[in-house]
Amino acid sequence: MAAGDDVDIQFTIKDALGVAVNLTNGTLDWYMKESADSVTAILHKTSTQVTQLEITNAPGGICVVHLLAADTQALAANKYFHGIKLLEQDSTHHFLAEGYITLSPALI
């Protein structure tokens, strides 16, 4: 992914048995940080704002993080840690996925 690009990142969330996690009664939060140990997120998106993080098939565990050009255009080319977590109505947090995004220099 290049800095300054509009990018949609789709997640299909499944449990350890490969069954889709139902996202119906929760809120999703996606974050990107300098590293896994970083306390502060560089970017944060939430499903309470569907233009940021959209649950497209709640029973099927599918959601899409919408990154806009402005979100990444000022970031340095680097490998960044990102993850997504589910906050249930009873305030229980579940970390659903995490990994790395490689951001390359802007192409234009």
C-alpha atoms as a PDB file:
ATOM      1  CA  MET A   1       0.000   0.000   0.000  1.00  0.00           C
ATOM      2  CA  ALA A   2       1.353   3.436  -0.869  1.00  0.00           C
ATOM      3  CA  ALA A   3       1.133   6.467   1.387  1.00  0.00           C
ATOM      4  CA  GLY A   4      -1.681   8.744   0.278  1.00  0.00           C
ATOM      5  CA  ASP A   5      -3.789   6.028  -1.375  1.00  0.00           C
ATOM      6  CA  ASP A   6      -7.465   5.360  -0.703  1.00  0.00           C
ATOM      7  CA  VAL A   7      -7.563   1.725   0.422  1.00  0.00           C
ATOM      8  CA  ASP A   8     -10.265  -0.598   1.756  1.00  0.00           C
ATOM      9  CA  ILE A   9      -9.055  -3.436   3.988  1.00  0.00           C
ATOM     10  CA  GLN A  10     -11.562  -6.272   4.333  1.00  0.00           C
ATOM     11  CA  PHE A  11     -11.539  -8.600   7.325  1.00  0.00           C
ATOM     12  CA  THR A  12     -13.435 -11.872   7.629  1.00  0.00           C
ATOM     13  CA  ILE A  13     -13.307 -12.664  11.338  1.00  0.00           C
ATOM     14  CA  LYS A  14     -13.403 -16.339  12.337  1.00  0.00           C
ATOM     15  CA  ASP A  15     -12.881 -18.130  15.628  1.00  0.00           C
ATOM     16  CA  ALA A  16     -10.307 -20.872  16.303  1.00  0.00           C
ATOM     17  CA  LEU A  17     -12.649 -23.448  14.740  1.00  0.00           C
ATOM     18  CA  GLY A  18     -13.030 -21.449  11.534  1.00  0.00           C
ATOM     19  CA  VAL A  19     -16.568 -20.298  12.310  1.00  0.00           C
ATOM     20  CA  ALA A  20     -17.509 -16.693  11.536  1.00  0.00           C
ATOM     21  CA  VAL A  21     -17.649 -14.408  14.579  1.00  0.00           C
ATOM     22  CA  ASN A  22     -21.041 -12.687  14.741  1.00  0.00           C
ATOM     23  CA  LEU A  23     -20.420  -8.936  14.917  1.00  0.00           C
ATOM     24  CA  THR A  24     -24.077  -8.011  15.381  1.00  0.00           C
ATOM     25  CA  ASN A  25     -24.144  -6.552  18.884  1.00  0.00           C
ATOM     26  CA  GLY A  26     -20.697  -5.047  19.169  1.00  0.00           C
ATOM     27  CA  THR A  27     -18.491  -2.183  18.140  1.00  0.00           C
ATOM     28  CA  LEU A  28     -15.278  -2.701  16.187  1.00  0.00           C
ATOM     29  CA  ASP A  29     -12.140  -0.621  16.609  1.00  0.00           C
ATOM     30  CA  TRP A  30      -9.217  -0.784  14.165  1.00  0.00           C
ATOM     31  CA  TYR A  31      -5.892   0.805  14.945  1.00  0.00           C
ATOM     32  CA  MET A  32      -2.467   1.269  13.375  1.00  0.00           C
ATOM     33  CA  LYS A  33       0.636   1.902  15.504  1.00  0.00           C
ATOM     34  CA  GLU A  34       4.384   2.349  15.010  1.00  0.00           C
ATOM     35  CA  SER A  35       4.949  -1.112  16.560  1.00  0.00           C
ATOM     36  CA  ALA A  36       3.153  -3.790  18.562  1.00  0.00           C
ATOM     37  CA  ASP A  37       4.588  -2.249  21.748  1.00  0.00           C
ATOM     38  CA  SER A  38       3.453   1.301  20.976  1.00  0.00           C
ATOM     39  CA  VAL A  39       0.848   2.662  23.360  1.00  0.00           C
ATOM     40  CA  THR A  40      -0.578   5.326  21.049  1.00  0.00           C
ATOM     41  CA  ALA A  41      -2.300   4.634  17.740  1.00  0.00           C
ATOM     42  CA  ILE A  42      -1.304   6.635  14.667  1.00  0.00           C
ATOM     43  CA  LEU A  43      -4.684   5.858  13.074  1.00  0.00           C
ATOM     44  CA  HIS A  44      -7.950   4.717  14.632  1.00  0.00           C
ATOM     45  CA  LYS A  45     -11.220   3.752  12.928  1.00  0.00           C
ATOM     46  CA  THR A  46     -14.474   2.701  14.595  1.00  0.00           C
ATOM     47  CA  SER A  47     -17.633   0.993  13.405  1.00  0.00           C
ATOM     48  CA  THR A  48     -19.686   3.710  15.110  1.00  0.00           C
ATOM     49  CA  GLN A  49     -18.697   5.725  12.002  1.00  0.00           C
ATOM     50  CA  VAL A  50     -19.529   3.548   8.964  1.00  0.00           C
ATOM     51  CA  THR A  51     -17.471   5.790   6.700  1.00  0.00           C
ATOM     52  CA  GLN A  52     -14.440   4.655   8.748  1.00  0.00           C
ATOM     53  CA  LEU A  53     -15.133   0.990   9.539  1.00  0.00           C
ATOM     54  CA  GLU A  54     -18.153  -0.687   8.011  1.00  0.00           C
ATOM     55  CA  ILE A  55     -19.632  -4.005   9.135  1.00  0.00           C
ATOM     56  CA  THR A  56     -20.836  -5.361   5.799  1.00  0.00           C
ATOM     57  CA  ASN A  57     -22.050  -8.797   6.956  1.00  0.00           C
ATOM     58  CA  ALA A  58     -22.409  -8.963  10.748  1.00  0.00           C
ATOM     59  CA  PRO A  59     -23.421 -12.651  11.057  1.00  0.00           C
ATOM     60  CA  GLY A  60     -20.663 -13.579   8.568  1.00  0.00           C
ATOM     61  CA  GLY A  61     -17.998 -11.652  10.505  1.00  0.00           C
ATOM     62  CA  ILE A  62     -17.133  -9.377   7.573  1.00  0.00           C
ATOM     63  CA  CYS A  63     -16.072  -5.753   7.913  1.00  0.00           C
ATOM     64  CA  VAL A  64     -14.155  -3.196   5.861  1.00  0.00           C
ATOM     65  CA  VAL A  65     -11.745  -0.535   7.141  1.00  0.00           C
ATOM     66  CA  HIS A  66     -11.860   2.526   4.885  1.00  0.00           C
ATOM     67  CA  LEU A  67      -8.516   4.338   4.695  1.00  0.00           C
ATOM     68  CA  LEU A  68      -8.540   7.690   2.952  1.00  0.00           C
ATOM     69  CA  ALA A  69      -5.570   9.301   1.245  1.00  0.00           C
ATOM     70  CA  ALA A  70      -5.405  11.895   4.033  1.00  0.00           C
ATOM     71  CA  ASP A  71      -5.004   9.134   6.647  1.00  0.00           C
ATOM     72  CA  THR A  72      -1.597   8.037   5.366  1.00  0.00           C
ATOM     73  CA  GLN A  73      -0.206  10.789   3.125  1.00  0.00           C
ATOM     74  CA  ALA A  74       1.967  12.295   5.894  1.00  0.00           C
ATOM     75  CA  LEU A  75       3.257   8.936   7.179  1.00  0.00           C
ATOM     76  CA  ALA A  76       6.771   7.715   6.448  1.00  0.00           C
ATOM     77  CA  ALA A  77       7.303   4.569   4.414  1.00  0.00           C
ATOM     78  CA  ASN A  78       7.573   1.865   7.066  1.00  0.00           C
ATOM     79  CA  LYS A  79       6.119  -1.361   8.425  1.00  0.00           C
ATOM     80  CA  TYR A  80       3.270  -0.569  10.839  1.00  0.00           C
ATOM     81  CA  PHE A  81       1.427  -2.802  13.309  1.00  0.00           C
ATOM     82  CA  HIS A  82      -2.374  -2.909  13.036  1.00  0.00           C
ATOM     83  CA  GLY A  83      -5.203  -4.755  14.685  1.00  0.00           C
ATOM     84  CA  ILE A  84      -8.931  -4.930  15.152  1.00  0.00           C
ATOM     85  CA  LYS A  85     -10.880  -5.549  18.338  1.00  0.00           C
ATOM     86  CA  LEU A  86     -14.506  -6.145  19.234  1.00  0.00           C
ATOM     87  CA  LEU A  87     -16.163  -4.387  22.158  1.00  0.00           C
ATOM     88  CA  GLU A  88     -19.308  -6.230  23.193  1.00  0.00           C
ATOM     89  CA  GLN A  89     -22.290  -4.563  24.862  1.00  0.00           C
ATOM     90  CA  ASP A  90     -21.172  -5.931  28.255  1.00  0.00           C
ATOM     91  CA  SER A  91     -17.792  -4.110  27.787  1.00  0.00           C
ATOM     92  CA  THR A  92     -15.873  -7.325  27.052  1.00  0.00           C
ATOM     93  CA  HIS A  93     -12.974  -6.759  24.612  1.00  0.00           C
ATOM     94  CA  HIS A  94     -11.839  -9.376  22.097  1.00  0.00           C
ATOM     95  CA  PHE A  95      -8.740  -8.889  19.969  1.00  0.00           C
ATOM     96  CA  LEU A  96      -9.776 -10.411  16.639  1.00  0.00           C
ATOM     97  CA  ALA A  97      -6.856  -9.891  14.284  1.00  0.00           C
ATOM     98  CA  GLU A  98      -3.475  -8.235  14.186  1.00  0.00           C
ATOM     99  CA  GLY A  99      -0.535  -8.024  11.856  1.00  0.00           C
ATOM    100  CA  TYR A 100       1.591  -5.631   9.836  1.00  0.00           C
ATOM    101  CA  ILE A 101       0.959  -3.196   7.003  1.00  0.00           C
ATOM    102  CA  THR A 102       3.862  -2.116   4.831  1.00  0.00           C
ATOM    103  CA  LEU A 103       3.471   1.468   3.695  1.00  0.00           C
ATOM    104  CA  SER A 104       5.544   2.399   0.668  1.00  0.00           C
ATOM    105  CA  PRO A 105       6.327   5.969  -0.416  1.00  0.00           C
ATOM    106  CA  ALA A 106       3.610   7.918  -2.190  1.00  0.00           C
ATOM    107  CA  LEU A 107       3.582   7.194  -5.913  1.00  0.00           C
ATOM    108  CA  ILE A 108       2.616  10.714  -6.957  1.00  0.00           C
END
